[in-house]
C-alpha atoms as a PDB file:
ATOM      1  CA  MET A   1     -27.720   1.802   3.648  1.00  0.00           C
ATOM      2  CA  ARG A   2     -25.628   2.447   0.550  1.00  0.00           C
ATOM      3  CA  PHE A   3     -23.390  -0.321  -0.746  1.00  0.00           C
ATOM      4  CA  VAL A   4     -21.272  -1.376  -3.700  1.00  0.00           C
ATOM      5  CA  LYS A   5     -20.954  -4.918  -5.016  1.00  0.00           C
ATOM      6  CA  MET A   6     -17.702  -5.837  -6.737  1.00  0.00           C
ATOM      7  CA  ASN A   7     -15.872  -8.960  -7.783  1.00  0.00           C
ATOM      8  CA  GLY A   8     -12.267  -9.816  -8.460  1.00  0.00           C
ATOM      9  CA  ALA A   9     -11.918 -12.802 -10.813  1.00  0.00           C
ATOM     10  CA  GLY A  10     -15.351 -13.971  -9.682  1.00  0.00           C
ATOM     11  CA  ASN A  11     -14.639 -13.613  -5.949  1.00  0.00           C
ATOM     12  CA  ASP A  12     -17.493 -11.260  -5.010  1.00  0.00           C
ATOM     13  CA  PHE A  13     -17.942  -8.807  -2.154  1.00  0.00           C
ATOM     14  CA  ILE A  14     -20.296  -6.257  -0.666  1.00  0.00           C
ATOM     15  CA  ILE A  15     -18.503  -3.052   0.363  1.00  0.00           C
ATOM     16  CA  LEU A  16     -19.813  -0.566   2.925  1.00  0.00           C
ATOM     17  CA  ASP A  17     -18.282   2.787   3.886  1.00  0.00           C
ATOM     18  CA  ASN A  18     -18.408   2.694   7.682  1.00  0.00           C
ATOM     19  CA  ARG A  19     -15.997   5.542   8.425  1.00  0.00           C
ATOM     20  CA  ASP A  20     -18.727   7.252  10.435  1.00  0.00           C
ATOM     21  CA  GLY A  21     -18.844   4.246  12.783  1.00  0.00           C
ATOM     22  CA  ALA A  22     -22.558   3.688  12.182  1.00  0.00           C
ATOM     23  CA  TYR A  23     -22.150  -0.073  12.691  1.00  0.00           C
ATOM     24  CA  ASP A  24     -20.069  -1.828  15.320  1.00  0.00           C
ATOM     25  CA  THR A  25     -18.256  -5.118  14.781  1.00  0.00           C
ATOM     26  CA  ALA A  26     -21.156  -7.241  16.028  1.00  0.00           C
ATOM     27  CA  GLN A  27     -23.565  -5.488  13.671  1.00  0.00           C
ATOM     28  CA  LEU A  28     -21.192  -5.887  10.720  1.00  0.00           C
ATOM     29  CA  SER A  29     -20.906  -9.600  11.486  1.00  0.00           C
ATOM     30  CA  ALA A  30     -24.697  -9.911  11.546  1.00  0.00           C
ATOM     31  CA  LEU A  31     -24.933  -7.917   8.321  1.00  0.00           C
ATOM     32  CA  ALA A  32     -22.486 -10.263   6.610  1.00  0.00           C
ATOM     33  CA  LYS A  33     -24.539 -13.335   7.501  1.00  0.00           C
ATOM     34  CA  THR A  34     -27.675 -11.720   6.105  1.00  0.00           C
ATOM     35  CA  VAL A  35     -26.613  -9.787   3.006  1.00  0.00           C
ATOM     36  CA  CYS A  36     -24.152 -12.437   1.762  1.00  0.00           C
ATOM     37  CA  HIS A  37     -26.933 -15.038   1.558  1.00  0.00           C
ATOM     38  CA  ARG A  38     -27.390 -15.658  -2.167  1.00  0.00           C
ATOM     39  CA  HIS A  39     -31.061 -16.597  -2.016  1.00  0.00           C
ATOM     40  CA  LEU A  40     -32.350 -14.262   0.668  1.00  0.00           C
ATOM     41  CA  SER A  41     -30.362 -11.090   0.007  1.00  0.00           C
ATOM     42  CA  VAL A  42     -27.699  -9.567  -2.283  1.00  0.00           C
ATOM     43  CA  GLY A  43     -25.331 -12.538  -2.118  1.00  0.00           C
ATOM     44  CA  ALA A  44     -21.520 -12.500  -1.941  1.00  0.00           C
ATOM     45  CA  ASP A  45     -18.442 -14.379  -0.714  1.00  0.00           C
ATOM     46  CA  GLY A  46     -17.870 -11.759   1.961  1.00  0.00           C
ATOM     47  CA  LEU A  47     -18.576  -8.290   3.298  1.00  0.00           C
ATOM     48  CA  MET A  48     -15.933  -5.561   3.620  1.00  0.00           C
ATOM     49  CA  ALA A  49     -16.343  -2.449   5.726  1.00  0.00           C
ATOM     50  CA  ILE A  50     -14.141   0.604   5.258  1.00  0.00           C
ATOM     51  CA  VAL A  51     -13.270   2.296   8.549  1.00  0.00           C
ATOM     52  CA  ASN A  52     -10.812   4.986   9.541  1.00  0.00           C
ATOM     53  CA  ALA A  53      -7.164   3.965   9.678  1.00  0.00           C
ATOM     54  CA  GLU A  54      -5.551   3.567  13.084  1.00  0.00           C
ATOM     55  CA  GLY A  55      -2.055   4.366  11.791  1.00  0.00           C
ATOM     56  CA  ASP A  56      -0.228   5.505   8.657  1.00  0.00           C
ATOM     57  CA  ALA A  57      -2.667   4.279   5.997  1.00  0.00           C
ATOM     58  CA  ASP A  58      -5.404   5.626   3.756  1.00  0.00           C
ATOM     59  CA  PHE A  59      -8.098   3.569   5.470  1.00  0.00           C
ATOM     60  CA  ARG A  60      -8.705   0.273   7.250  1.00  0.00           C
ATOM     61  CA  MET A  61     -10.457  -2.748   5.745  1.00  0.00           C
ATOM     62  CA  LEU A  62     -12.552  -5.057   7.923  1.00  0.00           C
ATOM     63  CA  PHE A  63     -13.448  -8.351   6.300  1.00  0.00           C
ATOM     64  CA  PHE A  64     -16.305 -10.676   7.277  1.00  0.00           C
ATOM     65  CA  ASN A  65     -16.985 -14.117   5.831  1.00  0.00           C
ATOM     66  CA  THR A  66     -20.447 -15.281   4.850  1.00  0.00           C
ATOM     67  CA  ASP A  67     -20.805 -17.057   8.191  1.00  0.00           C
ATOM     68  CA  GLY A  68     -20.197 -13.763  10.014  1.00  0.00           C
ATOM     69  CA  SER A  69     -16.694 -14.648  11.179  1.00  0.00           C
ATOM     70  CA  ALA A  70     -13.993 -12.010  10.869  1.00  0.00           C
ATOM     71  CA  GLY A  71     -11.286 -12.774   8.313  1.00  0.00           C
ATOM     72  CA  GLU A  72      -7.672 -11.689   8.682  1.00  0.00           C
ATOM     73  CA  MET A  73      -7.434 -10.468   5.084  1.00  0.00           C
ATOM     74  CA  CYS A  74      -8.638 -11.146   1.563  1.00  0.00           C
ATOM     75  CA  GLY A  75      -6.457 -10.694  -1.517  1.00  0.00           C
ATOM     76  CA  ASN A  76      -9.126 -10.242  -4.165  1.00  0.00           C
ATOM     77  CA  GLY A  77     -11.106  -8.190  -1.685  1.00  0.00           C
ATOM     78  CA  ALA A  78      -8.125  -5.902  -1.165  1.00  0.00           C
ATOM     79  CA  ARG A  79      -7.790  -5.396  -4.920  1.00  0.00           C
ATOM     80  CA  CYS A  80     -11.479  -4.482  -5.123  1.00  0.00           C
ATOM     81  CA  ILE A  81     -11.294  -2.149  -2.163  1.00  0.00           C
ATOM     82  CA  CYS A  82      -8.310  -0.397  -3.765  1.00  0.00           C
ATOM     83  CA  ARG A  83     -10.481   0.381  -6.774  1.00  0.00           C
ATOM     84  CA  TYR A  84     -13.266   1.539  -4.464  1.00  0.00           C
ATOM     85  CA  GLY A  85     -10.818   3.774  -2.610  1.00  0.00           C
ATOM     86  CA  TYR A  86      -9.563   5.322  -5.826  1.00  0.00           C
ATOM     87  CA  GLU A  87     -12.931   5.823  -7.530  1.00  0.00           C
ATOM     88  CA  PHE A  88     -14.629   7.232  -4.429  1.00  0.00           C
ATOM     89  CA  GLY A  89     -11.777   9.592  -3.587  1.00  0.00           C
ATOM     90  CA  LEU A  90     -10.445   7.910  -0.450  1.00  0.00           C
ATOM     91  CA  ALA A  91      -6.943   7.409  -1.875  1.00  0.00           C
ATOM     92  CA  GLY A  92      -4.783   7.938  -4.938  1.00  0.00           C
ATOM     93  CA  GLU A  93      -3.417   5.485  -7.472  1.00  0.00           C
ATOM     94  CA  ARG A  94      -1.072   4.060  -4.809  1.00  0.00           C
ATOM     95  CA  GLN A  95      -2.607   3.119  -1.496  1.00  0.00           C
ATOM     96  CA  ARG A  96      -1.827   1.831   1.975  1.00  0.00           C
ATOM     97  CA  ILE A  97      -4.575  -0.268   3.542  1.00  0.00           C
ATOM     98  CA  GLU A  98      -4.690  -1.541   7.091  1.00  0.00           C
ATOM     99  CA  THR A  99      -5.952  -5.098   7.542  1.00  0.00           C
ATOM    100  CA  THR A 100      -6.175  -7.304  10.594  1.00  0.00           C
ATOM    101  CA  ALA A 101      -3.136  -9.202   9.254  1.00  0.00           C
ATOM    102  CA  GLY A 102      -1.075  -6.044   8.620  1.00  0.00           C
ATOM    103  CA  ILE A 103      -0.515  -3.384   5.972  1.00  0.00           C
ATOM    104  CA  VAL A 104      -1.330  -4.138   2.327  1.00  0.00           C
ATOM    105  CA  THR A 105      -0.256  -1.754  -0.426  1.00  0.00           C
ATOM    106  CA  GLY A 106      -2.195  -1.323  -3.657  1.00  0.00           C
ATOM    107  CA  GLU A 107      -1.526   0.117  -7.090  1.00  0.00           C
ATOM    108  CA  ARG A 108      -3.893   1.067  -9.911  1.00  0.00           C
ATOM    109  CA  ILE A 109      -2.766  -0.443 -13.245  1.00  0.00           C
ATOM    110  CA  ASP A 110      -5.717   0.793 -15.295  1.00  0.00           C
ATOM    111  CA  ARG A 111      -9.454   1.263 -14.834  1.00  0.00           C
ATOM    112  CA  ARG A 112     -10.139  -2.370 -13.965  1.00  0.00           C
ATOM    113  CA  ASN A 113      -6.782  -3.928 -13.084  1.00  0.00           C
ATOM    114  CA  TYR A 114      -5.138  -3.521  -9.691  1.00  0.00           C
ATOM    115  CA  ARG A 115      -1.971  -4.898  -8.111  1.00  0.00           C
ATOM    116  CA  ILE A 116      -1.441  -5.400  -4.394  1.00  0.00           C
ATOM    117  CA  ARG A 117       1.475  -6.394  -2.236  1.00  0.00           C
ATOM    118  CA  LEU A 118       0.168  -8.978   0.203  1.00  0.00           C
ATOM    119  CA  ASN A 119       1.119  -9.551   3.815  1.00  0.00           C
ATOM    120  CA  ASP A 120       4.396 -11.404   4.237  1.00  0.00           C
ATOM    121  CA  PRO A 121       4.307 -15.151   4.966  1.00  0.00           C
ATOM    122  CA  THR A 122       4.860 -15.742   8.673  1.00  0.00           C
ATOM    123  CA  VAL A 123       4.682 -19.542   8.308  1.00  0.00           C
ATOM    124  CA  LEU A 124       5.752 -21.409   5.185  1.00  0.00           C
ATOM    125  CA  GLU A 125       6.264 -25.168   5.300  1.00  0.00           C
ATOM    126  CA  VAL A 126       6.618 -26.757   1.867  1.00  0.00           C
ATOM    127  CA  ASP A 127       6.535 -30.296   3.311  1.00  0.00           C
ATOM    128  CA  TYR A 128       3.441 -30.673   5.474  1.00  0.00           C
ATOM    129  CA  PRO A 129       1.938 -34.131   4.827  1.00  0.00           C
ATOM    130  CA  VAL A 130      -1.591 -34.744   6.118  1.00  0.00           C
ATOM    131  CA  GLU A 131      -3.104 -38.167   6.841  1.00  0.00           C
ATOM    132  CA  LEU A 132      -6.764 -38.503   5.913  1.00  0.00           C
ATOM    133  CA  GLU A 133      -8.719 -41.762   5.856  1.00  0.00           C
ATOM    134  CA  GLY A 134      -5.640 -43.873   5.348  1.00  0.00           C
ATOM    135  CA  LYS A 135      -4.126 -41.696   2.618  1.00  0.00           C
ATOM    136  CA  THR A 136      -1.257 -39.225   2.872  1.00  0.00           C
ATOM    137  CA  TRP A 137      -1.799 -35.908   1.101  1.00  0.00           C
ATOM    138  CA  ALA A 138       1.390 -34.050   0.137  1.00  0.00           C
ATOM    139  CA  CYS A 139       0.324 -30.675   1.462  1.00  0.00           C
ATOM    140  CA  ALA A 140       2.233 -27.493   2.113  1.00  0.00           C
ATOM    141  CA  TYR A 141       1.136 -24.981   4.750  1.00  0.00           C
ATOM    142  CA  VAL A 142       1.314 -21.178   4.610  1.00  0.00           C
ATOM    143  CA  GLU A 143       0.164 -18.365   6.870  1.00  0.00           C
ATOM    144  CA  LEU A 144       0.127 -14.819   5.520  1.00  0.00           C
ATOM    145  CA  GLY A 145       0.420 -11.875   7.888  1.00  0.00           C
ATOM    146  CA  ASP A 146       0.125 -11.681  11.665  1.00  0.00           C
ATOM    147  CA  PRO A 147      -2.247 -13.067  12.818  1.00  0.00           C
ATOM    148  CA  GLY A 148      -1.709 -15.455   9.963  1.00  0.00           C
ATOM    149  CA  LEU A 149      -4.291 -16.288   7.327  1.00  0.00           C
ATOM    150  CA  PRO A 150      -3.959 -20.102   7.000  1.00  0.00           C
ATOM    151  CA  HIS A 151      -3.657 -21.926   3.681  1.00  0.00           C
ATOM    152  CA  ALA A 152      -3.166 -25.565   2.761  1.00  0.00           C
ATOM    153  CA  VAL A 153      -1.623 -26.079  -0.683  1.00  0.00           C
ATOM    154  CA  VAL A 154      -2.500 -29.434  -2.248  1.00  0.00           C
ATOM    155  CA  PRO A 155      -1.419 -30.817  -5.656  1.00  0.00           C
ATOM    156  CA  LEU A 156      -4.174 -32.702  -7.442  1.00  0.00           C
ATOM    157  CA  SER A 157      -3.883 -34.250 -10.883  1.00  0.00           C
ATOM    158  CA  GLY A 158      -6.744 -33.780 -13.325  1.00  0.00           C
ATOM    159  CA  LEU A 159      -7.976 -30.736 -11.409  1.00  0.00           C
ATOM    160  CA  ARG A 160      -9.251 -28.944 -14.513  1.00  0.00           C
ATOM    161  CA  ASN A 161     -11.804 -31.693 -15.097  1.00  0.00           C
ATOM    162  CA  ARG A 162     -12.920 -32.130 -11.488  1.00  0.00           C
ATOM    163  CA  SER A 163     -16.120 -30.410 -10.447  1.00  0.00           C
ATOM    164  CA  PHE A 164     -16.775 -28.588  -7.190  1.00  0.00           C
ATOM    165  CA  GLU A 165     -19.279 -31.301  -6.349  1.00  0.00           C
ATOM    166  CA  GLU A 166     -16.637 -33.998  -6.714  1.00  0.00           C
ATOM    167  CA  LEU A 167     -14.034 -32.066  -4.722  1.00  0.00           C
ATOM    168  CA  ARG A 168     -16.295 -30.768  -1.958  1.00  0.00           C
ATOM    169  CA  PRO A 169     -15.993 -33.723   0.482  1.00  0.00           C
ATOM    170  CA  LEU A 170     -12.185 -33.626   0.298  1.00  0.00           C
ATOM    171  CA  GLY A 171     -12.071 -29.856   0.589  1.00  0.00           C
ATOM    172  CA  ARG A 172     -14.358 -29.896   3.623  1.00  0.00           C
ATOM    173  CA  ALA A 173     -12.363 -32.667   5.329  1.00  0.00           C
ATOM    174  CA  LEU A 174      -9.008 -30.947   4.831  1.00  0.00           C
ATOM    175  CA  ARG A 175     -10.363 -27.525   5.794  1.00  0.00           C
ATOM    176  CA  SER A 176     -11.215 -28.815   9.287  1.00  0.00           C
ATOM    177  CA  HIS A 177      -8.392 -31.350   9.655  1.00  0.00           C
ATOM    178  CA  PRO A 178      -6.667 -31.384  13.089  1.00  0.00           C
ATOM    179  CA  ALA A 179      -3.358 -30.737  11.308  1.00  0.00           C
ATOM    180  CA  PHE A 180      -4.623 -27.174  10.827  1.00  0.00           C
ATOM    181  CA  PRO A 181      -5.525 -25.865  14.315  1.00  0.00           C
ATOM    182  CA  LYS A 182      -6.909 -22.603  12.894  1.00  0.00           C
ATOM    183  CA  GLY A 183      -8.684 -24.379  10.064  1.00  0.00           C
ATOM    184  CA  ALA A 184      -7.397 -23.680   6.566  1.00  0.00           C
ATOM    185  CA  ASN A 185      -8.334 -22.479   3.139  1.00  0.00           C
ATOM    186  CA  VAL A 186      -7.644 -25.488   0.933  1.00  0.00           C
ATOM    187  CA  ASN A 187      -5.998 -24.644  -2.392  1.00  0.00           C
ATOM    188  CA  PHE A 188      -5.955 -27.491  -4.902  1.00  0.00           C
ATOM    189  CA  TYR A 189      -3.639 -26.886  -7.836  1.00  0.00           C
ATOM    190  CA  GLU A 190      -2.322 -28.512 -10.989  1.00  0.00           C
ATOM    191  CA  LEU A 191       0.595 -27.288 -13.088  1.00  0.00           C
ATOM    192  CA  ILE A 192      -0.416 -27.224 -16.746  1.00  0.00           C
ATOM    193  CA  GLY A 193       2.618 -25.498 -18.278  1.00  0.00           C
ATOM    194  CA  PRO A 194       5.684 -23.375 -17.496  1.00  0.00           C
ATOM    195  CA  ASP A 195       4.633 -20.776 -14.898  1.00  0.00           C
ATOM    196  CA  HIS A 196       0.999 -21.718 -15.468  1.00  0.00           C
ATOM    197  CA  LEU A 197      -1.367 -23.489 -13.072  1.00  0.00           C
ATOM    198  CA  VAL A 198      -5.025 -24.059 -12.432  1.00  0.00           C
ATOM    199  CA  GLU A 199      -6.407 -23.710  -8.928  1.00  0.00           C
ATOM    200  CA  LYS A 200      -9.629 -24.315  -7.022  1.00  0.00           C
ATOM    201  CA  THR A 201     -10.037 -23.175  -3.418  1.00  0.00           C
ATOM    202  CA  PHE A 202     -12.347 -24.365  -0.663  1.00  0.00           C
ATOM    203  CA  GLU A 203     -12.560 -21.320   1.597  1.00  0.00           C
ATOM    204  CA  ARG A 204     -12.794 -21.257   5.370  1.00  0.00           C
ATOM    205  CA  GLY A 205     -15.677 -19.014   6.456  1.00  0.00           C
ATOM    206  CA  VAL A 206     -17.509 -19.475   3.175  1.00  0.00           C
ATOM    207  CA  GLU A 207     -17.360 -23.238   3.792  1.00  0.00           C
ATOM    208  CA  ASP A 208     -17.461 -23.972   0.107  1.00  0.00           C
ATOM    209  CA  PHE A 209     -15.544 -23.363  -3.101  1.00  0.00           C
ATOM    210  CA  THR A 210     -15.296 -19.815  -4.376  1.00  0.00           C
ATOM    211  CA  TYR A 211     -14.539 -18.725  -7.929  1.00  0.00           C
ATOM    212  CA  ALA A 212     -11.100 -17.399  -6.914  1.00  0.00           C
ATOM    213  CA  CYS A 213      -8.915 -16.836  -3.859  1.00  0.00           C
ATOM    214  CA  GLY A 214      -6.158 -14.250  -4.062  1.00  0.00           C
ATOM    215  CA  THR A 215      -4.302 -15.095  -0.856  1.00  0.00           C
ATOM    216  CA  GLY A 216      -4.591 -18.781  -1.722  1.00  0.00           C
ATOM    217  CA  THR A 217      -3.145 -18.201  -5.173  1.00  0.00           C
ATOM    218  CA  CYS A 218      -0.196 -16.276  -3.752  1.00  0.00           C
ATOM    219  CA  SER A 219       0.383 -18.920  -1.089  1.00  0.00           C
ATOM    220  CA  THR A 220       0.381 -21.624  -3.755  1.00  0.00           C
ATOM    221  CA  VAL A 221       2.803 -19.773  -6.021  1.00  0.00           C
ATOM    222  CA  ALA A 222       5.087 -19.022  -3.064  1.00  0.00           C
ATOM    223  CA  VAL A 223       5.312 -22.746  -2.304  1.00  0.00           C
ATOM    224  CA  LEU A 224       5.892 -23.667  -5.949  1.00  0.00           C
ATOM    225  CA  THR A 225       8.593 -21.018  -6.239  1.00  0.00           C
ATOM    226  CA  LEU A 226      10.490 -22.392  -3.245  1.00  0.00           C
ATOM    227  CA  LEU A 227      10.149 -25.897  -4.690  1.00  0.00           C
ATOM    228  CA  GLY A 228      11.583 -24.688  -7.995  1.00  0.00           C
ATOM    229  CA  LEU A 229       8.460 -25.660  -9.936  1.00  0.00           C
ATOM    230  CA  VAL A 230       7.754 -22.117 -11.147  1.00  0.00           C
ATOM    231  CA  SER A 231      10.000 -19.101 -11.671  1.00  0.00           C
ATOM    232  CA  GLY A 232       8.054 -16.785  -9.381  1.00  0.00           C
ATOM    233  CA  THR A 233       7.845 -14.148 -12.124  1.00  0.00           C
ATOM    234  CA  HIS A 234       4.512 -13.406 -13.786  1.00  0.00           C
ATOM    235  CA  VAL A 235       3.067 -16.791 -12.827  1.00  0.00           C
ATOM    236  CA  ILE A 236      -0.394 -17.332 -14.318  1.00  0.00           C
ATOM    237  CA  ALA A 237      -3.109 -18.876 -12.172  1.00  0.00           C
ATOM    238  CA  ASP A 238      -6.418 -19.772 -13.798  1.00  0.00           C
ATOM    239  CA  MET A 239      -9.437 -20.218 -11.558  1.00  0.00           C
ATOM    240  CA  PRO A 240     -13.122 -20.761 -12.280  1.00  0.00           C
ATOM    241  CA  GLY A 241     -13.740 -16.993 -12.095  1.00  0.00           C
ATOM    242  CA  GLY A 242     -10.788 -15.763 -14.111  1.00  0.00           C
ATOM    243  CA  ARG A 243      -7.030 -15.285 -14.253  1.00  0.00           C
ATOM    244  CA  LEU A 244      -4.659 -13.854 -11.660  1.00  0.00           C
ATOM    245  CA  ILE A 245      -0.958 -13.066 -11.978  1.00  0.00           C
ATOM    246  CA  VAL A 246       1.497 -13.602  -9.105  1.00  0.00           C
ATOM    247  CA  ASP A 247       5.049 -12.298  -8.693  1.00  0.00           C
ATOM    248  CA  VAL A 248       7.265 -13.584  -5.908  1.00  0.00           C
ATOM    249  CA  LEU A 249      10.511 -12.112  -4.604  1.00  0.00           C
ATOM    250  CA  ARG A 250      12.711 -14.397  -2.523  1.00  0.00           C
ATOM    251  CA  GLU A 251      15.991 -14.452  -0.684  1.00  0.00           C
ATOM    252  CA  GLY A 252      17.117 -18.061  -0.420  1.00  0.00           C
ATOM    253  CA  ASP A 253      14.352 -19.956   1.357  1.00  0.00           C
ATOM    254  CA  ARG A 254      12.595 -16.783   2.474  1.00  0.00           C
ATOM    255  CA  ILE A 255       9.795 -15.056   0.589  1.00  0.00           C
ATOM    256  CA  THR A 256      10.268 -11.291   0.854  1.00  0.00           C
ATOM    257  CA  ASP A 257       7.416  -9.981  -1.320  1.00  0.00           C
ATOM    258  CA  LEU A 258       4.188 -11.341  -2.804  1.00  0.00           C
ATOM    259  CA  TYR A 259       2.352  -9.383  -5.500  1.00  0.00           C
ATOM    260  CA  LEU A 260      -1.113 -10.167  -6.845  1.00  0.00           C
ATOM    261  CA  THR A 261      -2.431  -8.607 -10.060  1.00  0.00           C
ATOM    262  CA  GLY A 262      -5.829  -9.092 -11.611  1.00  0.00           C
ATOM    263  CA  PRO A 263      -9.160  -7.662 -12.741  1.00  0.00           C
ATOM    264  CA  THR A 264     -11.906  -6.004 -10.746  1.00  0.00           C
ATOM    265  CA  ASN A 265     -15.536  -5.550 -11.736  1.00  0.00           C
ATOM    266  CA  MET A 266     -17.845  -2.873 -10.346  1.00  0.00           C
ATOM    267  CA  VAL A 267     -21.071  -4.867 -10.501  1.00  0.00           C
ATOM    268  CA  LEU A 268     -23.565  -2.474  -8.965  1.00  0.00           C
ATOM    269  CA  GLN A 269     -24.152   0.382  -6.569  1.00  0.00           C
ATOM    270  CA  GLY A 270     -27.328   0.519  -4.583  1.00  0.00           C
ATOM    271  CA  GLU A 271     -29.217   0.891  -1.350  1.00  0.00           C
ATOM    272  CA  LEU A 272     -29.925  -2.002   0.962  1.00  0.00           C
ATOM    273  CA  THR A 273     -33.571  -2.066   1.943  1.00  0.00           C
ATOM    274  CA  ASP A 274     -33.465  -5.636   3.253  1.00  0.00           C
ATOM    275  CA  GLU A 275     -35.997  -5.846   6.085  1.00  0.00           C
ATOM    276  CA  THR A 276     -34.162  -8.722   7.748  1.00  0.00           C
ATOM    277  CA  LEU A 277     -30.734  -7.038   8.033  1.00  0.00           C
ATOM    278  CA  PHE A 278     -30.238  -7.675  11.727  1.00  0.00           C
ATOM    279  CA  SER A 279     -32.467 -10.696  12.178  1.00  0.00           C
ATOM    280  CA  ASP A 280     -31.181 -14.222  12.512  1.00  0.00           C
ATOM    281  CA  PRO A 281     -30.482 -15.646   9.023  1.00  0.00           C
ATOM    282  CA  ILE A 282     -32.257 -18.793   7.908  1.00  0.00           C
ATOM    283  CA  GLU A 283     -29.811 -21.700   8.014  1.00  0.00           C
END
């Protein structure tokens, strides 16, 4: 089984070309649980399978989290898959990609940098307080696309100096909080300058912090734009794995376009010979 491993700002993925339909959804889910395991196989934050488009698009992207669950979309994953599509001849410098959450468009900036237009927000509540263990957290809540990819946006002072280990209990508690019926990706942020923030995201499906989250970054910047805390133009977001740039277009209180720009890295190409591909992963 041939595969490519890529990362976008440290958010890493295994990509398979499944246009021949060699693997069904259940098999891809099982593959994700096995090959994304960092100690027993290749290791990644998720697995993406390229399949044939159902409508007017270059191809369709199926995304699976490390726990085998299907994800609606992935922003950094979409940027990586745009590069894959271009370099392997599936599409040109401008692309249309089907995702479970809707169409995403991509654009090649240069060899490593790609820009995508994300799914539109279908839910955006800038005032969404959450009670947890006697404390009120001033959250916002965003869903991108339909079905919506859920994100909690949480301000947290001193974020730059807080480790994943310190933040993990809070991230885990908010991720599964009853206020978020679908669960949520929890995006902690801190503004550190004009149009400049740091962010750390506890991701649903990975069930831990990742080095970057593209949809989370765009959700965060969308909220901050509506609150008037950033301009929405070329907003810089620094994450443990690198830097992403977000541009937001709005009409009044409505976000009309979300653009995510950042680096990709083609880490390796290879052949999976893992003898446990479809066996039950060790918990």
